[in-house]
Amino acid sequence: DGLAWLSQIGLFLILGLLVNPSELLQYA
């Protein structure tokens, strides 16, 4: 259960690092 939570945290951290807010607004 702890490993699953750690995996989710790592996943969303990586996803967040890939997002550029200025590009995101272009496709809003």
mmCIF file of all heavy atoms, coordinates in Angstrom:
data_MODEL
# 
_entry.id   MODEL 
# 
loop_
_atom_site.group_PDB 
_atom_site.id 
_atom_site.type_symbol 
_atom_site.label_atom_id 
_atom_site.label_alt_id 
_atom_site.label_comp_id 
_atom_site.label_asym_id 
_atom_site.label_entity_id 
_atom_site.label_seq_id 
_atom_site.pdbx_PDB_ins_code 
_atom_site.Cartn_x 
_atom_site.Cartn_y 
_atom_site.Cartn_z 
_atom_site.occupancy 
_atom_site.B_iso_or_equiv 
_atom_site.pdbx_formal_charge 
_atom_site.auth_seq_id 
_atom_site.auth_comp_id 
_atom_site.auth_asym_id 
_atom_site.auth_atom_id 
_atom_site.pdbx_PDB_model_num 
ATOM 1   N N   . ASP A 1 1  ? 0.839  -1.196 0.000   1.00 0.00 ? 1  ASP A N   1 
ATOM 2   C CA  . ASP A 1 1  ? 0.000  0.000  0.000   1.00 0.00 ? 1  ASP A CA  1 
ATOM 3   C C   . ASP A 1 1  ? 0.875  1.248  0.000   1.00 0.00 ? 1  ASP A C   1 
ATOM 4   O O   . ASP A 1 1  ? 0.618  2.208  -0.729  1.00 0.00 ? 1  ASP A O   1 
ATOM 5   C CB  . ASP A 1 1  ? -0.923 -0.006 1.218   1.00 0.00 ? 1  ASP A CB  1 
ATOM 6   C CG  . ASP A 1 1  ? -1.968 1.103  1.150   1.00 0.00 ? 1  ASP A CG  1 
ATOM 7   O OD1 . ASP A 1 1  ? -2.523 1.323  0.052   1.00 0.00 ? 1  ASP A OD1 1 
ATOM 8   O OD2 . ASP A 1 1  ? -2.230 1.741  2.177   1.00 0.00 ? 1  ASP A OD2 1 
ATOM 9   N N   . GLY A 1 2  ? 1.927  1.236  0.810   1.00 0.00 ? 2  GLY A N   1 
ATOM 10  C CA  . GLY A 1 2  ? 2.865  2.354  0.821   1.00 0.00 ? 2  GLY A CA  1 
ATOM 11  C C   . GLY A 1 2  ? 3.588  2.505  -0.502  1.00 0.00 ? 2  GLY A C   1 
ATOM 12  O O   . GLY A 1 2  ? 3.777  3.630  -1.000  1.00 0.00 ? 2  GLY A O   1 
ATOM 13  N N   . LEU A 1 3  ? 3.990  1.381  -1.119  1.00 0.00 ? 3  LEU A N   1 
ATOM 14  C CA  . LEU A 1 3  ? 4.647  1.440  -2.427  1.00 0.00 ? 3  LEU A CA  1 
ATOM 15  C C   . LEU A 1 3  ? 3.706  1.988  -3.498  1.00 0.00 ? 3  LEU A C   1 
ATOM 16  O O   . LEU A 1 3  ? 4.134  2.716  -4.406  1.00 0.00 ? 3  LEU A O   1 
ATOM 17  C CB  . LEU A 1 3  ? 5.146  0.044  -2.822  1.00 0.00 ? 3  LEU A CB  1 
ATOM 18  C CG  . LEU A 1 3  ? 6.303  -0.529 -1.991  1.00 0.00 ? 3  LEU A CG  1 
ATOM 19  C CD1 . LEU A 1 3  ? 6.596  -1.959 -2.416  1.00 0.00 ? 3  LEU A CD1 1 
ATOM 20  C CD2 . LEU A 1 3  ? 7.551  0.337  -2.124  1.00 0.00 ? 3  LEU A CD2 1 
ATOM 21  N N   . ALA A 1 4  ? 2.426  1.626  -3.407  1.00 0.00 ? 4  ALA A N   1 
ATOM 22  C CA  . ALA A 1 4  ? 1.447  2.131  -4.375  1.00 0.00 ? 4  ALA A CA  1 
ATOM 23  C C   . ALA A 1 4  ? 1.299  3.649  -4.264  1.00 0.00 ? 4  ALA A C   1 
ATOM 24  O O   . ALA A 1 4  ? 1.253  4.371  -5.266  1.00 0.00 ? 4  ALA A O   1 
ATOM 25  C CB  . ALA A 1 4  ? 0.096  1.447  -4.163  1.00 0.00 ? 4  ALA A CB  1 
ATOM 26  N N   . TRP A 1 5  ? 1.226  4.137  -3.015  1.00 0.00 ? 5  TRP A N   1 
ATOM 27  C CA  . TRP A 1 5  ? 1.141  5.585  -2.814  1.00 0.00 ? 5  TRP A CA  1 
ATOM 28  C C   . TRP A 1 5  ? 2.393  6.287  -3.326  1.00 0.00 ? 5  TRP A C   1 
ATOM 29  O O   . TRP A 1 5  ? 2.328  7.350  -3.955  1.00 0.00 ? 5  TRP A O   1 
ATOM 30  C CB  . TRP A 1 5  ? 0.926  5.902  -1.339  1.00 0.00 ? 5  TRP A CB  1 
ATOM 31  C CG  . TRP A 1 5  ? -0.493 5.779  -0.899  1.00 0.00 ? 5  TRP A CG  1 
ATOM 32  C CD1 . TRP A 1 5  ? -1.049 4.794  -0.133  1.00 0.00 ? 5  TRP A CD1 1 
ATOM 33  C CD2 . TRP A 1 5  ? -1.570 6.681  -1.214  1.00 0.00 ? 5  TRP A CD2 1 
ATOM 34  N NE1 . TRP A 1 5  ? -2.392 5.015  0.048   1.00 0.00 ? 5  TRP A NE1 1 
ATOM 35  C CE2 . TRP A 1 5  ? -2.739 6.165  -0.599  1.00 0.00 ? 5  TRP A CE2 1 
ATOM 36  C CE3 . TRP A 1 5  ? -1.658 7.857  -1.940  1.00 0.00 ? 5  TRP A CE3 1 
ATOM 37  C CZ2 . TRP A 1 5  ? -3.967 6.794  -0.704  1.00 0.00 ? 5  TRP A CZ2 1 
ATOM 38  C CZ3 . TRP A 1 5  ? -2.886 8.483  -2.046  1.00 0.00 ? 5  TRP A CZ3 1 
ATOM 39  C CH2 . TRP A 1 5  ? -4.022 7.957  -1.435  1.00 0.00 ? 5  TRP A CH2 1 
ATOM 40  N N   . LEU A 1 6  ? 3.558  5.693  -3.050  1.00 0.00 ? 6  LEU A N   1 
ATOM 41  C CA  . LEU A 1 6  ? 4.813  6.278  -3.524  1.00 0.00 ? 6  LEU A CA  1 
ATOM 42  C C   . LEU A 1 6  ? 4.852  6.327  -5.043  1.00 0.00 ? 6  LEU A C   1 
ATOM 43  O O   . LEU A 1 6  ? 5.310  7.311  -5.645  1.00 0.00 ? 6  LEU A O   1 
ATOM 44  C CB  . LEU A 1 6  ? 5.996  5.459  -2.986  1.00 0.00 ? 6  LEU A CB  1 
ATOM 45  C CG  . LEU A 1 6  ? 7.392  5.959  -3.356  1.00 0.00 ? 6  LEU A CG  1 
ATOM 46  C CD1 . LEU A 1 6  ? 7.637  7.349  -2.781  1.00 0.00 ? 6  LEU A CD1 1 
ATOM 47  C CD2 . LEU A 1 6  ? 8.453  4.988  -2.852  1.00 0.00 ? 6  LEU A CD2 1 
ATOM 48  N N   . SER A 1 7  ? 4.360  5.272  -5.685  1.00 0.00 ? 7  SER A N   1 
ATOM 49  C CA  . SER A 1 7  ? 4.326  5.234  -7.145  1.00 0.00 ? 7  SER A CA  1 
ATOM 50  C C   . SER A 1 7  ? 3.419  6.326  -7.699  1.00 0.00 ? 7  SER A C   1 
ATOM 51  O O   . SER A 1 7  ? 3.764  6.996  -8.686  1.00 0.00 ? 7  SER A O   1 
ATOM 52  C CB  . SER A 1 7  ? 3.843  3.859  -7.625  1.00 0.00 ? 7  SER A CB  1 
ATOM 53  O OG  . SER A 1 7  ? 4.699  2.843  -7.166  1.00 0.00 ? 7  SER A OG  1 
ATOM 54  N N   . GLN A 1 8  ? 2.249  6.508  -7.088  1.00 0.00 ? 8  GLN A N   1 
ATOM 55  C CA  . GLN A 1 8  ? 1.338  7.545  -7.555  1.00 0.00 ? 8  GLN A CA  1 
ATOM 56  C C   . GLN A 1 8  ? 1.930  8.937  -7.376  1.00 0.00 ? 8  GLN A C   1 
ATOM 57  O O   . GLN A 1 8  ? 1.800  9.799  -8.248  1.00 0.00 ? 8  GLN A O   1 
ATOM 58  C CB  . GLN A 1 8  ? 0.009  7.445  -6.803  1.00 0.00 ? 8  GLN A CB  1 
ATOM 59  C CG  . GLN A 1 8  ? -0.797 6.205  -7.137  1.00 0.00 ? 8  GLN A CG  1 
ATOM 60  C CD  . GLN A 1 8  ? -2.139 6.190  -6.435  1.00 0.00 ? 8  GLN A CD  1 
ATOM 61  O OE1 . GLN A 1 8  ? -3.037 6.939  -6.789  1.00 0.00 ? 8  GLN A OE1 1 
ATOM 62  N NE2 . GLN A 1 8  ? -2.281 5.346  -5.437  1.00 0.00 ? 8  GLN A NE2 1 
ATOM 63  N N   . ILE A 1 9  ? 2.573  9.157  -6.225  1.00 0.00 ? 9  ILE A N   1 
ATOM 64  C CA  . ILE A 1 9  ? 3.199  10.458 -5.985  1.00 0.00 ? 9  ILE A CA  1 
ATOM 65  C C   . ILE A 1 9  ? 4.280  10.727 -7.032  1.00 0.00 ? 9  ILE A C   1 
ATOM 66  O O   . ILE A 1 9  ? 4.366  11.815 -7.615  1.00 0.00 ? 9  ILE A O   1 
ATOM 67  C CB  . ILE A 1 9  ? 3.793  10.512 -4.558  1.00 0.00 ? 9  ILE A CB  1 
ATOM 68  C CG1 . ILE A 1 9  ? 2.670  10.488 -3.520  1.00 0.00 ? 9  ILE A CG1 1 
ATOM 69  C CG2 . ILE A 1 9  ? 4.656  11.765 -4.373  1.00 0.00 ? 9  ILE A CG2 1 
ATOM 70  C CD1 . ILE A 1 9  ? 3.163  10.275 -2.105  1.00 0.00 ? 9  ILE A CD1 1 
ATOM 71  N N   . GLY A 1 10 ? 5.135  9.725  -7.292  1.00 0.00 ? 10 GLY A N   1 
ATOM 72  C CA  . GLY A 1 10 ? 6.177  9.873  -8.299  1.00 0.00 ? 10 GLY A CA  1 
ATOM 73  C C   . GLY A 1 10 ? 5.610  10.102 -9.685  1.00 0.00 ? 10 GLY A C   1 
ATOM 74  O O   . GLY A 1 10 ? 6.119  10.930 -10.457 1.00 0.00 ? 10 GLY A O   1 
ATOM 75  N N   . LEU A 1 11 ? 4.526  9.383  -10.004 1.00 0.00 ? 11 LEU A N   1 
ATOM 76  C CA  . LEU A 1 11 ? 3.891  9.525  -11.310 1.00 0.00 ? 11 LEU A CA  1 
ATOM 77  C C   . LEU A 1 11 ? 3.399  10.950 -11.524 1.00 0.00 ? 11 LEU A C   1 
ATOM 78  O O   . LEU A 1 11 ? 3.704  11.584 -12.540 1.00 0.00 ? 11 LEU A O   1 
ATOM 79  C CB  . LEU A 1 11 ? 2.729  8.530  -11.429 1.00 0.00 ? 11 LEU A CB  1 
ATOM 80  C CG  . LEU A 1 11 ? 1.822  8.697  -12.647 1.00 0.00 ? 11 LEU A CG  1 
ATOM 81  C CD1 . LEU A 1 11 ? 2.589  8.440  -13.928 1.00 0.00 ? 11 LEU A CD1 1 
ATOM 82  C CD2 . LEU A 1 11 ? 0.620  7.766  -12.549 1.00 0.00 ? 11 LEU A CD2 1 
ATOM 83  N N   . PHE A 1 12 ? 2.651  11.479 -10.576 1.00 0.00 ? 12 PHE A N   1 
ATOM 84  C CA  . PHE A 1 12 ? 2.096  12.821 -10.732 1.00 0.00 ? 12 PHE A CA  1 
ATOM 85  C C   . PHE A 1 12 ? 3.186  13.891 -10.670 1.00 0.00 ? 12 PHE A C   1 
ATOM 86  O O   . PHE A 1 12 ? 3.053  14.953 -11.285 1.00 0.00 ? 12 PHE A O   1 
ATOM 87  C CB  . PHE A 1 12 ? 1.025  13.079 -9.676  1.00 0.00 ? 12 PHE A CB  1 
ATOM 88  C CG  . PHE A 1 12 ? -0.291 12.454 -10.019 1.00 0.00 ? 12 PHE A CG  1 
ATOM 89  C CD1 . PHE A 1 12 ? -0.707 11.281 -9.419  1.00 0.00 ? 12 PHE A CD1 1 
ATOM 90  C CD2 . PHE A 1 12 ? -1.125 13.030 -10.972 1.00 0.00 ? 12 PHE A CD2 1 
ATOM 91  C CE1 . PHE A 1 12 ? -1.915 10.696 -9.745  1.00 0.00 ? 12 PHE A CE1 1 
ATOM 92  C CE2 . PHE A 1 12 ? -2.334 12.452 -11.306 1.00 0.00 ? 12 PHE A CE2 1 
ATOM 93  C CZ  . PHE A 1 12 ? -2.732 11.281 -10.691 1.00 0.00 ? 12 PHE A CZ  1 
ATOM 94  N N   . LEU A 1 13 ? 4.254  13.619 -9.939  1.00 0.00 ? 13 LEU A N   1 
ATOM 95  C CA  . LEU A 1 13 ? 5.373  14.560 -9.916  1.00 0.00 ? 13 LEU A CA  1 
ATOM 96  C C   . LEU A 1 13 ? 6.001  14.665 -11.303 1.00 0.00 ? 13 LEU A C   1 
ATOM 97  O O   . LEU A 1 13 ? 6.249  15.772 -11.809 1.00 0.00 ? 13 LEU A O   1 
ATOM 98  C CB  . LEU A 1 13 ? 6.413  14.103 -8.888  1.00 0.00 ? 13 LEU A CB  1 
ATOM 99  C CG  . LEU A 1 13 ? 7.689  14.955 -8.796  1.00 0.00 ? 13 LEU A CG  1 
ATOM 100 C CD1 . LEU A 1 13 ? 7.349  16.361 -8.343  1.00 0.00 ? 13 LEU A CD1 1 
ATOM 101 C CD2 . LEU A 1 13 ? 8.691  14.317 -7.845  1.00 0.00 ? 13 LEU A CD2 1 
ATOM 102 N N   . ILE A 1 14 ? 6.250  13.520 -11.937 1.00 0.00 ? 14 ILE A N   1 
ATOM 103 C CA  . ILE A 1 14 ? 6.825  13.521 -13.282 1.00 0.00 ? 14 ILE A CA  1 
ATOM 104 C C   . ILE A 1 14 ? 5.872  14.170 -14.279 1.00 0.00 ? 14 ILE A C   1 
ATOM 105 O O   . ILE A 1 14 ? 6.287  14.956 -15.144 1.00 0.00 ? 14 ILE A O   1 
ATOM 106 C CB  . ILE A 1 14 ? 7.158  12.079 -13.724 1.00 0.00 ? 14 ILE A CB  1 
ATOM 107 C CG1 . ILE A 1 14 ? 8.214  11.470 -12.795 1.00 0.00 ? 14 ILE A CG1 1 
ATOM 108 C CG2 . ILE A 1 14 ? 7.646  12.056 -15.157 1.00 0.00 ? 14 ILE A CG2 1 
ATOM 109 C CD1 . ILE A 1 14 ? 9.520  12.220 -12.762 1.00 0.00 ? 14 ILE A CD1 1 
ATOM 110 N N   . LEU A 1 15 ? 4.586  13.860 -14.170 1.00 0.00 ? 15 LEU A N   1 
ATOM 111 C CA  . LEU A 1 15 ? 3.607  14.462 -15.078 1.00 0.00 ? 15 LEU A CA  1 
ATOM 112 C C   . LEU A 1 15 ? 3.580  15.974 -14.925 1.00 0.00 ? 15 LEU A C   1 
ATOM 113 O O   . LEU A 1 15 ? 3.486  16.717 -15.907 1.00 0.00 ? 15 LEU A O   1 
ATOM 114 C CB  . LEU A 1 15 ? 2.214  13.877 -14.808 1.00 0.00 ? 15 LEU A CB  1 
ATOM 115 C CG  . LEU A 1 15 ? 2.022  12.391 -15.104 1.00 0.00 ? 15 LEU A CG  1 
ATOM 116 C CD1 . LEU A 1 15 ? 0.600  11.967 -14.771 1.00 0.00 ? 15 LEU A CD1 1 
ATOM 117 C CD2 . LEU A 1 15 ? 2.339  12.082 -16.553 1.00 0.00 ? 15 LEU A CD2 1 
ATOM 118 N N   . GLY A 1 16 ? 3.658  16.435 -13.674 1.00 0.00 ? 16 GLY A N   1 
ATOM 119 C CA  . GLY A 1 16 ? 3.666  17.876 -13.432 1.00 0.00 ? 16 GLY A CA  1 
ATOM 120 C C   . GLY A 1 16 ? 4.880  18.554 -14.022 1.00 0.00 ? 16 GLY A C   1 
ATOM 121 O O   . GLY A 1 16 ? 4.793  19.680 -14.534 1.00 0.00 ? 16 GLY A O   1 
ATOM 122 N N   . LEU A 1 17 ? 6.033  17.886 -13.981 1.00 0.00 ? 17 LEU A N   1 
ATOM 123 C CA  . LEU A 1 17 ? 7.255  18.470 -14.542 1.00 0.00 ? 17 LEU A CA  1 
ATOM 124 C C   . LEU A 1 17 ? 7.193  18.577 -16.061 1.00 0.00 ? 17 LEU A C   1 
ATOM 125 O O   . LEU A 1 17 ? 7.877  19.412 -16.658 1.00 0.00 ? 17 LEU A O   1 
ATOM 126 C CB  . LEU A 1 17 ? 8.462  17.620 -14.134 1.00 0.00 ? 17 LEU A CB  1 
ATOM 127 C CG  . LEU A 1 17 ? 8.828  17.625 -12.640 1.00 0.00 ? 17 LEU A CG  1 
ATOM 128 C CD1 . LEU A 1 17 ? 9.932  16.621 -12.356 1.00 0.00 ? 17 LEU A CD1 1 
ATOM 129 C CD2 . LEU A 1 17 ? 9.248  19.025 -12.201 1.00 0.00 ? 17 LEU A CD2 1 
ATOM 130 N N   . LEU A 1 18 ? 6.370  17.732 -16.689 1.00 0.00 ? 18 LEU A N   1 
ATOM 131 C CA  . LEU A 1 18 ? 6.257  17.762 -18.146 1.00 0.00 ? 18 LEU A CA  1 
ATOM 132 C C   . LEU A 1 18 ? 5.290  18.827 -18.650 1.00 0.00 ? 18 LEU A C   1 
ATOM 133 O O   . LEU A 1 18 ? 5.260  19.116 -19.849 1.00 0.00 ? 18 LEU A O   1 
ATOM 134 C CB  . LEU A 1 18 ? 5.797  16.387 -18.657 1.00 0.00 ? 18 LEU A CB  1 
ATOM 135 C CG  . LEU A 1 18 ? 6.814  15.240 -18.537 1.00 0.00 ? 18 LEU A CG  1 
ATOM 136 C CD1 . LEU A 1 18 ? 6.153  13.924 -18.913 1.00 0.00 ? 18 LEU A CD1 1 
ATOM 137 C CD2 . LEU A 1 18 ? 8.024  15.505 -19.407 1.00 0.00 ? 18 LEU A CD2 1 
ATOM 138 N N   . VAL A 1 19 ? 4.498  19.404 -17.755 1.00 0.00 ? 19 VAL A N   1 
ATOM 139 C CA  . VAL A 1 19 ? 3.463  20.351 -18.170 1.00 0.00 ? 19 VAL A CA  1 
ATOM 140 C C   . VAL A 1 19 ? 4.031  21.764 -18.211 1.00 0.00 ? 19 VAL A C   1 
ATOM 141 O O   . VAL A 1 19 ? 4.675  22.222 -17.255 1.00 0.00 ? 19 VAL A O   1 
ATOM 142 C CB  . VAL A 1 19 ? 2.258  20.301 -17.204 1.00 0.00 ? 19 VAL A CB  1 
ATOM 143 C CG1 . VAL A 1 19 ? 1.244  21.378 -17.568 1.00 0.00 ? 19 VAL A CG1 1 
ATOM 144 C CG2 . VAL A 1 19 ? 1.611  18.939 -17.257 1.00 0.00 ? 19 VAL A CG2 1 
ATOM 145 N N   . ASN A 1 20 ? 3.765  22.443 -19.317 1.00 0.00 ? 20 ASN A N   1 
ATOM 146 C CA  . ASN A 1 20 ? 4.115  23.853 -19.451 1.00 0.00 ? 20 ASN A CA  1 
ATOM 147 C C   . ASN A 1 20 ? 2.828  24.668 -19.437 1.00 0.00 ? 20 ASN A C   1 
ATOM 148 O O   . ASN A 1 20 ? 2.050  24.594 -20.395 1.00 0.00 ? 20 ASN A O   1 
ATOM 149 C CB  . ASN A 1 20 ? 4.882  24.089 -20.766 1.00 0.00 ? 20 ASN A CB  1 
ATOM 150 C CG  . ASN A 1 20 ? 5.468  25.486 -20.851 1.00 0.00 ? 20 ASN A CG  1 
ATOM 151 O OD1 . ASN A 1 20 ? 4.928  26.424 -20.264 1.00 0.00 ? 20 ASN A OD1 1 
ATOM 152 N ND2 . ASN A 1 20 ? 6.567  25.615 -21.582 1.00 0.00 ? 20 ASN A ND2 1 
ATOM 153 N N   . PRO A 1 21 ? 2.560  25.436 -18.372 1.00 0.00 ? 21 PRO A N   1 
ATOM 154 C CA  . PRO A 1 21 ? 1.270  26.150 -18.273 1.00 0.00 ? 21 PRO A CA  1 
ATOM 155 C C   . PRO A 1 21 ? 0.966  27.049 -19.466 1.00 0.00 ? 21 PRO A C   1 
ATOM 156 O O   . PRO A 1 21 ? -0.182 27.158 -19.885 1.00 0.00 ? 21 PRO A O   1 
ATOM 157 C CB  . PRO A 1 21 ? 1.427  26.965 -16.990 1.00 0.00 ? 21 PRO A CB  1 
ATOM 158 C CG  . PRO A 1 21 ? 2.434  26.212 -16.182 1.00 0.00 ? 21 PRO A CG  1 
ATOM 159 C CD  . PRO A 1 21 ? 3.381  25.616 -17.167 1.00 0.00 ? 21 PRO A CD  1 
ATOM 160 N N   . SER A 1 22 ? 1.981  27.696 -20.032 1.00 0.00 ? 22 SER A N   1 
ATOM 161 C CA  . SER A 1 22 ? 1.729  28.592 -21.165 1.00 0.00 ? 22 SER A CA  1 
ATOM 162 C C   . SER A 1 22 ? 1.234  27.804 -22.378 1.00 0.00 ? 22 SER A C   1 
ATOM 163 O O   . SER A 1 22 ? 0.333  28.253 -23.100 1.00 0.00 ? 22 SER A O   1 
ATOM 164 C CB  . SER A 1 22 ? 3.003  29.366 -21.512 1.00 0.00 ? 22 SER A CB  1 
ATOM 165 O OG  . SER A 1 22 ? 4.047  28.459 -21.866 1.00 0.00 ? 22 SER A OG  1 
ATOM 166 N N   . GLU A 1 23 ? 1.801  26.606 -22.601 1.00 0.00 ? 23 GLU A N   1 
ATOM 167 C CA  . GLU A 1 23 ? 1.313  25.763 -23.701 1.00 0.00 ? 23 GLU A CA  1 
ATOM 168 C C   . GLU A 1 23 ? -0.077 25.220 -23.405 1.00 0.00 ? 23 GLU A C   1 
ATOM 169 O O   . GLU A 1 23 ? -0.914 25.104 -24.301 1.00 0.00 ? 23 GLU A O   1 
ATOM 170 C CB  . GLU A 1 23 ? 2.283  24.602 -23.932 1.00 0.00 ? 23 GLU A CB  1 
ATOM 171 C CG  . GLU A 1 23 ? 3.619  24.981 -24.509 1.00 0.00 ? 23 GLU A CG  1 
ATOM 172 C CD  . GLU A 1 23 ? 4.474  23.772 -24.816 1.00 0.00 ? 23 GLU A CD  1 
ATOM 173 O OE1 . GLU A 1 23 ? 3.943  22.643 -24.701 1.00 0.00 ? 23 GLU A OE1 1 
ATOM 174 O OE2 . GLU A 1 23 ? 5.655  23.958 -25.155 1.00 0.00 ? 23 GLU A OE2 1 
ATOM 175 N N   . LEU A 1 24 ? -0.316 24.923 -22.129 1.00 0.00 ? 24 LEU A N   1 
ATOM 176 C CA  . LEU A 1 24 ? -1.617 24.374 -21.745 1.00 0.00 ? 24 LEU A CA  1 
ATOM 177 C C   . LEU A 1 24 ? -2.732 25.364 -22.036 1.00 0.00 ? 24 LEU A C   1 
ATOM 178 O O   . LEU A 1 24 ? -3.823 24.985 -22.476 1.00 0.00 ? 24 LEU A O   1 
ATOM 179 C CB  . LEU A 1 24 ? -1.593 24.015 -20.263 1.00 0.00 ? 24 LEU A CB  1 
ATOM 180 C CG  . LEU A 1 24 ? -2.656 23.040 -19.753 1.00 0.00 ? 24 LEU A CG  1 
ATOM 181 C CD1 . LEU A 1 24 ? -2.520 21.683 -20.423 1.00 0.00 ? 24 LEU A CD1 1 
ATOM 182 C CD2 . LEU A 1 24 ? -2.536 22.881 -18.241 1.00 0.00 ? 24 LEU A CD2 1 
ATOM 183 N N   . LEU A 1 25 ? -2.468 26.651 -21.811 1.00 0.00 ? 25 LEU A N   1 
ATOM 184 C CA  . LEU A 1 25 ? -3.486 27.675 -22.044 1.00 0.00 ? 25 LEU A CA  1 
ATOM 185 C C   . LEU A 1 25 ? -3.820 27.807 -23.527 1.00 0.00 ? 25 LEU A C   1 
ATOM 186 O O   . LEU A 1 25 ? -4.938 28.181 -23.886 1.00 0.00 ? 25 LEU A O   1 
ATOM 187 C CB  . LEU A 1 25 ? -3.012 29.016 -21.483 1.00 0.00 ? 25 LEU A CB  1 
ATOM 188 C CG  . LEU A 1 25 ? -2.949 29.121 -19.951 1.00 0.00 ? 25 LEU A CG  1 
ATOM 189 C CD1 . LEU A 1 25 ? -2.315 30.439 -19.525 1.00 0.00 ? 25 LEU A CD1 1 
ATOM 190 C CD2 . LEU A 1 25 ? -4.338 28.979 -19.344 1.00 0.00 ? 25 LEU A CD2 1 
ATOM 191 N N   . GLN A 1 26 ? -2.847 27.511 -24.393 1.00 0.00 ? 26 GLN A N   1 
ATOM 192 C CA  . GLN A 1 26 ? -3.104 27.609 -25.832 1.00 0.00 ? 26 GLN A CA  1 
ATOM 193 C C   . GLN A 1 26 ? -4.187 26.626 -26.280 1.00 0.00 ? 26 GLN A C   1 
ATOM 194 O O   . GLN A 1 26 ? -4.920 26.888 -27.235 1.00 0.00 ? 26 GLN A O   1 
ATOM 195 C CB  . GLN A 1 26 ? -1.822 27.329 -26.617 1.00 0.00 ? 26 GLN A CB  1 
ATOM 196 C CG  . GLN A 1 26 ? -0.709 28.349 -26.392 1.00 0.00 ? 26 GLN A CG  1 
ATOM 197 C CD  . GLN A 1 26 ? 0.549  27.980 -27.145 1.00 0.00 ? 26 GLN A CD  1 
ATOM 198 O OE1 . GLN A 1 26 ? 0.520  27.123 -28.040 1.00 0.00 ? 26 GLN A OE1 1 
ATOM 199 N NE2 . GLN A 1 26 ? 1.666  28.612 -26.803 1.00 0.00 ? 26 GLN A NE2 1 
ATOM 200 N N   . TYR A 1 27 ? -4.252 25.489 -25.597 1.00 0.00 ? 27 TYR A N   1 
ATOM 201 C CA  . TYR A 1 27 ? -5.201 24.447 -25.984 1.00 0.00 ? 27 TYR A CA  1 
ATOM 202 C C   . TYR A 1 27 ? -6.416 24.399 -25.052 1.00 0.00 ? 27 TYR A C   1 
ATOM 203 O O   . TYR A 1 27 ? -7.156 23.427 -25.056 1.00 0.00 ? 27 TYR A O   1 
ATOM 204 C CB  . TYR A 1 27 ? -4.518 23.077 -25.979 1.00 0.00 ? 27 TYR A CB  1 
ATOM 205 C CG  . TYR A 1 27 ? -3.255 23.024 -26.802 1.00 0.00 ? 27 TYR A CG  1 
ATOM 206 C CD1 . TYR A 1 27 ? -2.010 22.904 -26.200 1.00 0.00 ? 27 TYR A CD1 1 
ATOM 207 C CD2 . TYR A 1 27 ? -3.315 23.105 -28.183 1.00 0.00 ? 27 TYR A CD2 1 
ATOM 208 C CE1 . TYR A 1 27 ? -0.843 22.856 -26.953 1.00 0.00 ? 27 TYR A CE1 1 
ATOM 209 C CE2 . TYR A 1 27 ? -2.157 23.051 -28.951 1.00 0.00 ? 27 TYR A CE2 1 
ATOM 210 C CZ  . TYR A 1 27 ? -0.925 22.934 -28.333 1.00 0.00 ? 27 TYR A CZ  1 
ATOM 211 O OH  . TYR A 1 27 ? 0.213  22.893 -29.080 1.00 0.00 ? 27 TYR A OH  1 
ATOM 212 N N   . ALA A 1 28 ? -6.614 25.440 -24.252 1.00 0.00 ? 28 ALA A N   1 
ATOM 213 C CA  . ALA A 1 28 ? -7.686 25.415 -23.247 1.00 0.00 ? 28 ALA A CA  1 
ATOM 214 C C   . ALA A 1 28 ? -9.065 25.300 -23.893 1.00 0.00 ? 28 ALA A C   1 
ATOM 215 O O   . ALA A 1 28 ? -9.895 24.485 -23.469 1.00 0.00 ? 28 ALA A O   1 
ATOM 216 C CB  . ALA A 1 28 ? -7.609 26.667 -22.376 1.00 0.00 ? 28 ALA A CB  1 
# 
